[in-house]
Amino acid sequence: MTDDRGNIEGDGLRKHPVLGVEQVGDAYVVRLGGELDLYNAAQVRAALVEACAQAPERIVVDLGEVEFLDSTALGVLIEARTKLDNRGGLVLAAPRLETRRALQISGLDKLFAVHDTVPEALGAKV
């Protein structure tokens, strides 16, 4: 269900983790937000799997509105990456300090290309 701005609505208790999915040229941008954890990992997984199924050149995961992510959410990102023919085509964008720190601690900042902005991620070579 979407609100009047086209954003996916949450369940009333928590913001829906997938704020939107948009096709931009040969890429998909998946906007995530709020707390990404065990309780909503399936929603994040579904959005990423659906985007991967379109076989885009790249998928940009916009983390700009993510406040927290746990190991389950990190695992979902790794899983999504394996569903692309070009595994380097799943890139992360705009992580806040806490999210960037989680990526560094887990070592995922070495597995994924991490960009400061979505436009930078869209324009980067994959």
N, C-alpha and C. Protein backbone atom coordinates (compact mmCIF):
# COMPACT_ATOMS: atom_id res chain seq x y z
N MET A 1 0.84 -1.17 0.00
CA MET A 1 0.00 0.00 0.00
C MET A 1 0.90 1.25 0.00
N THR A 2 0.54 2.24 -0.80
CA THR A 2 1.35 3.46 -0.87
C THR A 2 0.56 4.65 -0.37
N ASP A 3 1.30 5.66 0.09
CA ASP A 3 0.64 6.89 0.52
C ASP A 3 0.47 7.82 -0.68
N ASP A 4 0.02 9.05 -0.43
CA ASP A 4 -0.26 9.98 -1.53
C ASP A 4 0.99 10.47 -2.25
N ARG A 5 2.17 10.20 -1.72
CA ARG A 5 3.42 10.58 -2.38
C ARG A 5 4.07 9.39 -3.08
N GLY A 6 3.40 8.22 -3.07
CA GLY A 6 3.95 7.05 -3.73
C GLY A 6 4.88 6.24 -2.85
N ASN A 7 5.02 6.62 -1.57
CA ASN A 7 5.87 5.88 -0.65
C ASN A 7 5.11 4.69 -0.09
N ILE A 8 5.81 3.62 0.15
CA ILE A 8 5.19 2.43 0.72
C ILE A 8 4.95 2.67 2.20
N GLU A 9 3.73 2.38 2.65
CA GLU A 9 3.37 2.63 4.05
C GLU A 9 3.81 1.47 4.94
N GLY A 10 4.08 1.77 6.20
CA GLY A 10 4.43 0.77 7.20
C GLY A 10 3.20 0.17 7.83
N ASP A 11 3.41 -0.57 8.91
CA ASP A 11 2.30 -1.25 9.56
C ASP A 11 1.68 -0.41 10.67
N GLY A 12 2.06 0.84 10.80
CA GLY A 12 1.52 1.71 11.83
C GLY A 12 2.43 1.78 13.04
N LEU A 13 3.17 0.73 13.31
CA LEU A 13 4.07 0.72 14.45
C LEU A 13 5.47 1.18 14.05
N ARG A 14 5.91 0.73 12.91
CA ARG A 14 7.23 1.08 12.41
C ARG A 14 7.10 1.50 10.96
N LYS A 15 8.01 2.36 10.57
CA LYS A 15 8.07 2.78 9.17
C LYS A 15 8.42 1.56 8.31
N HIS A 16 7.80 1.44 7.16
CA HIS A 16 8.13 0.35 6.24
C HIS A 16 9.59 0.52 5.84
N PRO A 17 10.37 -0.55 5.82
CA PRO A 17 11.80 -0.41 5.52
C PRO A 17 12.10 -0.06 4.08
N VAL A 18 11.18 -0.35 3.16
CA VAL A 18 11.39 -0.03 1.75
C VAL A 18 10.59 1.23 1.43
N LEU A 19 11.29 2.33 1.29
CA LEU A 19 10.65 3.62 1.06
C LEU A 19 10.26 3.83 -0.39
N GLY A 20 10.87 3.09 -1.28
CA GLY A 20 10.54 3.21 -2.69
C GLY A 20 11.53 2.48 -3.56
N VAL A 21 11.08 2.14 -4.76
CA VAL A 21 11.93 1.53 -5.78
C VAL A 21 11.68 2.30 -7.06
N GLU A 22 12.75 2.75 -7.68
CA GLU A 22 12.63 3.59 -8.87
C GLU A 22 13.61 3.12 -9.93
N GLN A 23 13.15 3.04 -11.16
CA GLN A 23 14.05 2.73 -12.26
C GLN A 23 14.64 4.04 -12.78
N VAL A 24 15.96 4.08 -12.90
CA VAL A 24 16.67 5.26 -13.42
C VAL A 24 17.57 4.76 -14.53
N GLY A 25 17.13 4.92 -15.76
CA GLY A 25 17.90 4.40 -16.90
C GLY A 25 17.99 2.89 -16.81
N ASP A 26 19.23 2.36 -16.85
CA ASP A 26 19.46 0.92 -16.76
C ASP A 26 19.65 0.45 -15.32
N ALA A 27 19.32 1.29 -14.36
CA ALA A 27 19.54 0.96 -12.95
C ALA A 27 18.23 1.01 -12.17
N TYR A 28 18.26 0.38 -11.03
CA TYR A 28 17.16 0.49 -10.06
C TYR A 28 17.73 1.09 -8.79
N VAL A 29 16.98 2.01 -8.19
CA VAL A 29 17.35 2.58 -6.90
C VAL A 29 16.32 2.07 -5.89
N VAL A 30 16.82 1.38 -4.88
CA VAL A 30 15.97 0.86 -3.80
C VAL A 30 16.26 1.70 -2.57
N ARG A 31 15.27 2.52 -2.15
CA ARG A 31 15.42 3.41 -1.01
C ARG A 31 14.96 2.69 0.26
N LEU A 32 15.87 2.58 1.20
CA LEU A 32 15.57 1.93 2.48
C LEU A 32 15.59 2.97 3.59
N GLY A 33 14.89 2.68 4.69
CA GLY A 33 14.88 3.62 5.80
C GLY A 33 14.48 2.97 7.10
N GLY A 34 14.71 3.70 8.17
CA GLY A 34 14.34 3.24 9.50
C GLY A 34 15.32 2.21 10.03
N GLU A 35 14.80 1.28 10.80
CA GLU A 35 15.61 0.22 11.40
C GLU A 35 15.46 -1.04 10.55
N LEU A 36 16.57 -1.55 10.05
CA LEU A 36 16.56 -2.77 9.25
C LEU A 36 17.08 -3.90 10.12
N ASP A 37 16.20 -4.86 10.38
CA ASP A 37 16.57 -5.95 11.30
C ASP A 37 15.80 -7.21 10.98
N LEU A 38 15.89 -8.18 11.86
CA LEU A 38 15.25 -9.47 11.70
C LEU A 38 13.75 -9.33 11.41
N TYR A 39 13.11 -8.35 12.00
CA TYR A 39 11.66 -8.22 11.90
C TYR A 39 11.17 -7.74 10.54
N ASN A 40 12.02 -7.06 9.79
CA ASN A 40 11.58 -6.59 8.48
C ASN A 40 12.52 -7.00 7.35
N ALA A 41 13.43 -7.91 7.64
CA ALA A 41 14.38 -8.37 6.63
C ALA A 41 13.66 -8.97 5.41
N ALA A 42 12.54 -9.65 5.63
CA ALA A 42 11.82 -10.26 4.51
C ALA A 42 11.31 -9.20 3.54
N GLN A 43 10.89 -8.04 4.04
CA GLN A 43 10.41 -6.97 3.17
C GLN A 43 11.56 -6.39 2.35
N VAL A 44 12.71 -6.22 2.98
CA VAL A 44 13.89 -5.71 2.28
C VAL A 44 14.33 -6.74 1.23
N ARG A 45 14.38 -8.01 1.63
CA ARG A 45 14.77 -9.08 0.72
C ARG A 45 13.85 -9.11 -0.51
N ALA A 46 12.54 -9.03 -0.28
CA ALA A 46 11.58 -9.08 -1.39
C ALA A 46 11.81 -7.95 -2.38
N ALA A 47 12.05 -6.74 -1.89
CA ALA A 47 12.28 -5.60 -2.78
C ALA A 47 13.56 -5.78 -3.59
N LEU A 48 14.61 -6.27 -2.94
CA LEU A 48 15.88 -6.45 -3.63
C LEU A 48 15.81 -7.60 -4.64
N VAL A 49 15.14 -8.69 -4.27
CA VAL A 49 14.99 -9.82 -5.19
C VAL A 49 14.19 -9.39 -6.42
N GLU A 50 13.14 -8.62 -6.20
CA GLU A 50 12.33 -8.14 -7.32
C GLU A 50 13.15 -7.25 -8.25
N ALA A 51 13.96 -6.38 -7.67
CA ALA A 51 14.82 -5.52 -8.49
C ALA A 51 15.86 -6.37 -9.25
N CYS A 52 16.44 -7.36 -8.59
CA CYS A 52 17.42 -8.24 -9.24
C CYS A 52 16.80 -9.01 -10.40
N ALA A 53 15.55 -9.39 -10.24
CA ALA A 53 14.86 -10.17 -11.27
C ALA A 53 14.72 -9.40 -12.58
N GLN A 54 14.82 -8.07 -12.52
CA GLN A 54 14.73 -7.25 -13.73
C GLN A 54 16.05 -7.23 -14.49
N ALA A 55 17.11 -7.83 -13.92
CA ALA A 55 18.44 -7.91 -14.53
C ALA A 55 18.98 -6.54 -14.93
N PRO A 56 18.95 -5.57 -14.01
CA PRO A 56 19.48 -4.24 -14.36
C PRO A 56 21.01 -4.25 -14.40
N GLU A 57 21.55 -3.20 -15.01
CA GLU A 57 23.01 -3.03 -15.03
C GLU A 57 23.53 -2.85 -13.60
N ARG A 58 22.75 -2.14 -12.79
CA ARG A 58 23.15 -1.93 -11.40
C ARG A 58 21.92 -1.70 -10.53
N ILE A 59 22.09 -2.01 -9.26
CA ILE A 59 21.08 -1.68 -8.26
C ILE A 59 21.78 -0.83 -7.22
N VAL A 60 21.24 0.34 -6.99
CA VAL A 60 21.76 1.24 -5.97
C VAL A 60 20.86 1.13 -4.75
N VAL A 61 21.44 0.73 -3.64
CA VAL A 61 20.69 0.66 -2.38
C VAL A 61 20.96 1.96 -1.64
N ASP A 62 19.93 2.81 -1.59
CA ASP A 62 20.03 4.11 -0.93
C ASP A 62 19.81 3.91 0.56
N LEU A 63 20.87 4.10 1.34
CA LEU A 63 20.84 3.91 2.79
C LEU A 63 20.71 5.22 3.55
N GLY A 64 20.42 6.30 2.85
CA GLY A 64 20.41 7.63 3.45
C GLY A 64 19.45 7.82 4.61
N GLU A 65 18.37 7.05 4.65
CA GLU A 65 17.40 7.19 5.73
C GLU A 65 17.42 6.01 6.70
N VAL A 66 18.43 5.16 6.57
CA VAL A 66 18.56 4.01 7.48
C VAL A 66 19.16 4.49 8.80
N GLU A 67 18.47 4.19 9.88
CA GLU A 67 18.93 4.59 11.21
C GLU A 67 19.73 3.49 11.90
N PHE A 68 19.45 2.24 11.53
CA PHE A 68 20.11 1.10 12.19
C PHE A 68 19.99 -0.10 11.26
N LEU A 69 21.03 -0.93 11.21
CA LEU A 69 20.90 -2.21 10.54
C LEU A 69 21.67 -3.26 11.30
N ASP A 70 21.06 -4.44 11.42
CA ASP A 70 21.70 -5.53 12.16
C ASP A 70 22.31 -6.53 11.19
N SER A 71 22.85 -7.62 11.75
CA SER A 71 23.52 -8.61 10.92
C SER A 71 22.56 -9.29 9.94
N THR A 72 21.30 -9.40 10.30
CA THR A 72 20.32 -9.99 9.38
C THR A 72 20.19 -9.13 8.14
N ALA A 73 20.10 -7.82 8.32
CA ALA A 73 19.98 -6.90 7.18
C ALA A 73 21.25 -6.92 6.34
N LEU A 74 22.40 -7.01 6.98
CA LEU A 74 23.65 -7.11 6.23
C LEU A 74 23.66 -8.39 5.39
N GLY A 75 23.14 -9.47 5.96
CA GLY A 75 23.05 -10.74 5.23
C GLY A 75 22.13 -10.63 4.02
N VAL A 76 21.07 -9.87 4.14
CA VAL A 76 20.14 -9.66 3.03
C VAL A 76 20.86 -8.95 1.88
N LEU A 77 21.71 -7.98 2.19
CA LEU A 77 22.47 -7.28 1.15
C LEU A 77 23.41 -8.25 0.43
N ILE A 78 24.07 -9.11 1.20
CA ILE A 78 24.98 -10.10 0.61
C ILE A 78 24.20 -11.06 -0.28
N GLU A 79 23.08 -11.52 0.21
CA GLU A 79 22.23 -12.45 -0.55
C GLU A 79 21.78 -11.82 -1.87
N ALA A 80 21.36 -10.57 -1.82
CA ALA A 80 20.90 -9.89 -3.04
C ALA A 80 22.04 -9.78 -4.06
N ARG A 81 23.22 -9.53 -3.57
CA ARG A 81 24.39 -9.39 -4.46
C ARG A 81 24.61 -10.67 -5.26
N THR A 82 24.36 -11.82 -4.64
CA THR A 82 24.59 -13.10 -5.32
C THR A 82 23.56 -13.36 -6.42
N LYS A 83 22.48 -12.60 -6.45
CA LYS A 83 21.41 -12.81 -7.43
C LYS A 83 21.65 -12.03 -8.73
N LEU A 84 22.69 -11.21 -8.76
CA LEU A 84 23.01 -10.46 -9.97
C LEU A 84 24.13 -11.15 -10.73
N ASP A 85 24.03 -11.16 -12.07
CA ASP A 85 25.11 -11.71 -12.88
C ASP A 85 26.40 -10.93 -12.63
N ASN A 86 26.28 -9.60 -12.60
CA ASN A 86 27.41 -8.74 -12.29
C ASN A 86 27.31 -8.38 -10.81
N ARG A 87 27.96 -9.15 -9.98
CA ARG A 87 27.82 -8.94 -8.53
C ARG A 87 28.29 -7.57 -8.09
N GLY A 88 29.19 -6.98 -8.83
CA GLY A 88 29.63 -5.61 -8.52
C GLY A 88 28.58 -4.58 -8.85
N GLY A 89 27.48 -5.01 -9.46
CA GLY A 89 26.41 -4.10 -9.84
C GLY A 89 25.50 -3.70 -8.70
N LEU A 90 25.64 -4.33 -7.53
CA LEU A 90 24.87 -3.92 -6.36
C LEU A 90 25.76 -2.99 -5.56
N VAL A 91 25.39 -1.72 -5.54
CA VAL A 91 26.20 -0.71 -4.87
C VAL A 91 25.38 -0.02 -3.79
N LEU A 92 26.07 0.48 -2.79
CA LEU A 92 25.43 1.13 -1.66
C LEU A 92 25.69 2.63 -1.74
N ALA A 93 24.70 3.41 -1.30
CA ALA A 93 24.83 4.86 -1.39
C ALA A 93 24.32 5.55 -0.14
N ALA A 94 24.97 6.63 0.20
CA ALA A 94 24.55 7.59 1.22
C ALA A 94 24.38 7.03 2.63
N PRO A 95 25.26 6.10 3.06
CA PRO A 95 25.08 5.61 4.43
C PRO A 95 25.40 6.69 5.45
N ARG A 96 24.59 6.74 6.50
CA ARG A 96 24.88 7.63 7.62
C ARG A 96 26.07 7.07 8.39
N LEU A 97 26.56 7.83 9.33
CA LEU A 97 27.74 7.44 10.09
C LEU A 97 27.57 6.06 10.74
N GLU A 98 26.42 5.82 11.39
CA GLU A 98 26.21 4.55 12.09
C GLU A 98 26.18 3.38 11.10
N THR A 99 25.54 3.60 9.96
CA THR A 99 25.45 2.55 8.94
C THR A 99 26.82 2.31 8.33
N ARG A 100 27.54 3.37 8.05
CA ARG A 100 28.89 3.22 7.49
C ARG A 100 29.79 2.45 8.46
N ARG A 101 29.62 2.73 9.74
CA ARG A 101 30.42 2.03 10.75
C ARG A 101 30.09 0.53 10.77
N ALA A 102 28.81 0.19 10.66
CA ALA A 102 28.40 -1.23 10.62
C ALA A 102 29.01 -1.92 9.40
N LEU A 103 29.06 -1.22 8.27
CA LEU A 103 29.66 -1.78 7.07
C LEU A 103 31.15 -2.00 7.26
N GLN A 104 31.82 -1.06 7.93
CA GLN A 104 33.25 -1.19 8.17
C GLN A 104 33.56 -2.31 9.15
N ILE A 105 32.81 -2.38 10.24
CA ILE A 105 33.05 -3.41 11.25
C ILE A 105 32.85 -4.80 10.67
N SER A 106 31.83 -4.94 9.81
CA SER A 106 31.54 -6.24 9.20
C SER A 106 32.46 -6.57 8.03
N GLY A 107 33.19 -5.57 7.55
CA GLY A 107 34.06 -5.78 6.39
C GLY A 107 33.33 -5.65 5.06
N LEU A 108 32.04 -5.34 5.11
CA LEU A 108 31.27 -5.27 3.88
C LEU A 108 31.61 -4.04 3.04
N ASP A 109 32.27 -3.06 3.64
CA ASP A 109 32.71 -1.90 2.85
C ASP A 109 33.78 -2.30 1.84
N LYS A 110 34.35 -3.51 2.01
CA LYS A 110 35.33 -4.01 1.04
C LYS A 110 34.65 -4.88 -0.02
N LEU A 111 33.49 -5.43 0.30
CA LEU A 111 32.74 -6.27 -0.63
C LEU A 111 31.90 -5.43 -1.58
N PHE A 112 31.29 -4.37 -1.05
CA PHE A 112 30.41 -3.49 -1.82
C PHE A 112 31.11 -2.17 -2.12
N ALA A 113 30.81 -1.61 -3.28
CA ALA A 113 31.20 -0.23 -3.54
C ALA A 113 30.24 0.64 -2.73
N VAL A 114 30.80 1.56 -1.94
CA VAL A 114 29.99 2.45 -1.10
C VAL A 114 30.24 3.88 -1.57
N HIS A 115 29.16 4.56 -1.97
CA HIS A 115 29.26 5.92 -2.49
C HIS A 115 28.57 6.90 -1.54
N ASP A 116 29.01 8.14 -1.56
CA ASP A 116 28.46 9.15 -0.66
C ASP A 116 27.05 9.59 -1.04
N THR A 117 26.72 9.51 -2.32
CA THR A 117 25.40 9.96 -2.78
C THR A 117 24.84 8.98 -3.81
N VAL A 118 23.53 9.04 -4.01
CA VAL A 118 22.89 8.21 -5.03
C VAL A 118 23.37 8.62 -6.43
N PRO A 119 23.41 9.91 -6.77
CA PRO A 119 23.90 10.28 -8.11
C PRO A 119 25.33 9.78 -8.36
N GLU A 120 26.17 9.82 -7.34
CA GLU A 120 27.54 9.32 -7.49
C GLU A 120 27.50 7.81 -7.78
N ALA A 121 26.65 7.08 -7.06
CA ALA A 121 26.54 5.63 -7.26
C ALA A 121 26.00 5.30 -8.64
N LEU A 122 25.07 6.11 -9.13
CA LEU A 122 24.50 5.89 -10.46
C LEU A 122 25.53 6.16 -11.56
N GLY A 123 26.44 7.09 -11.30
CA GLY A 123 27.41 7.46 -12.32
C GLY A 123 28.72 6.69 -12.27
N ALA A 124 28.94 5.94 -11.21
CA ALA A 124 30.20 5.23 -11.03
C ALA A 124 30.29 4.03 -11.98
N LYS A 125 31.49 3.67 -12.30
CA LYS A 125 31.73 2.50 -13.15
C LYS A 125 31.47 1.23 -12.32
N VAL A 126 30.78 0.27 -12.93
CA VAL A 126 30.56 -1.02 -12.23
C VAL A 126 31.31 -2.13 -12.92
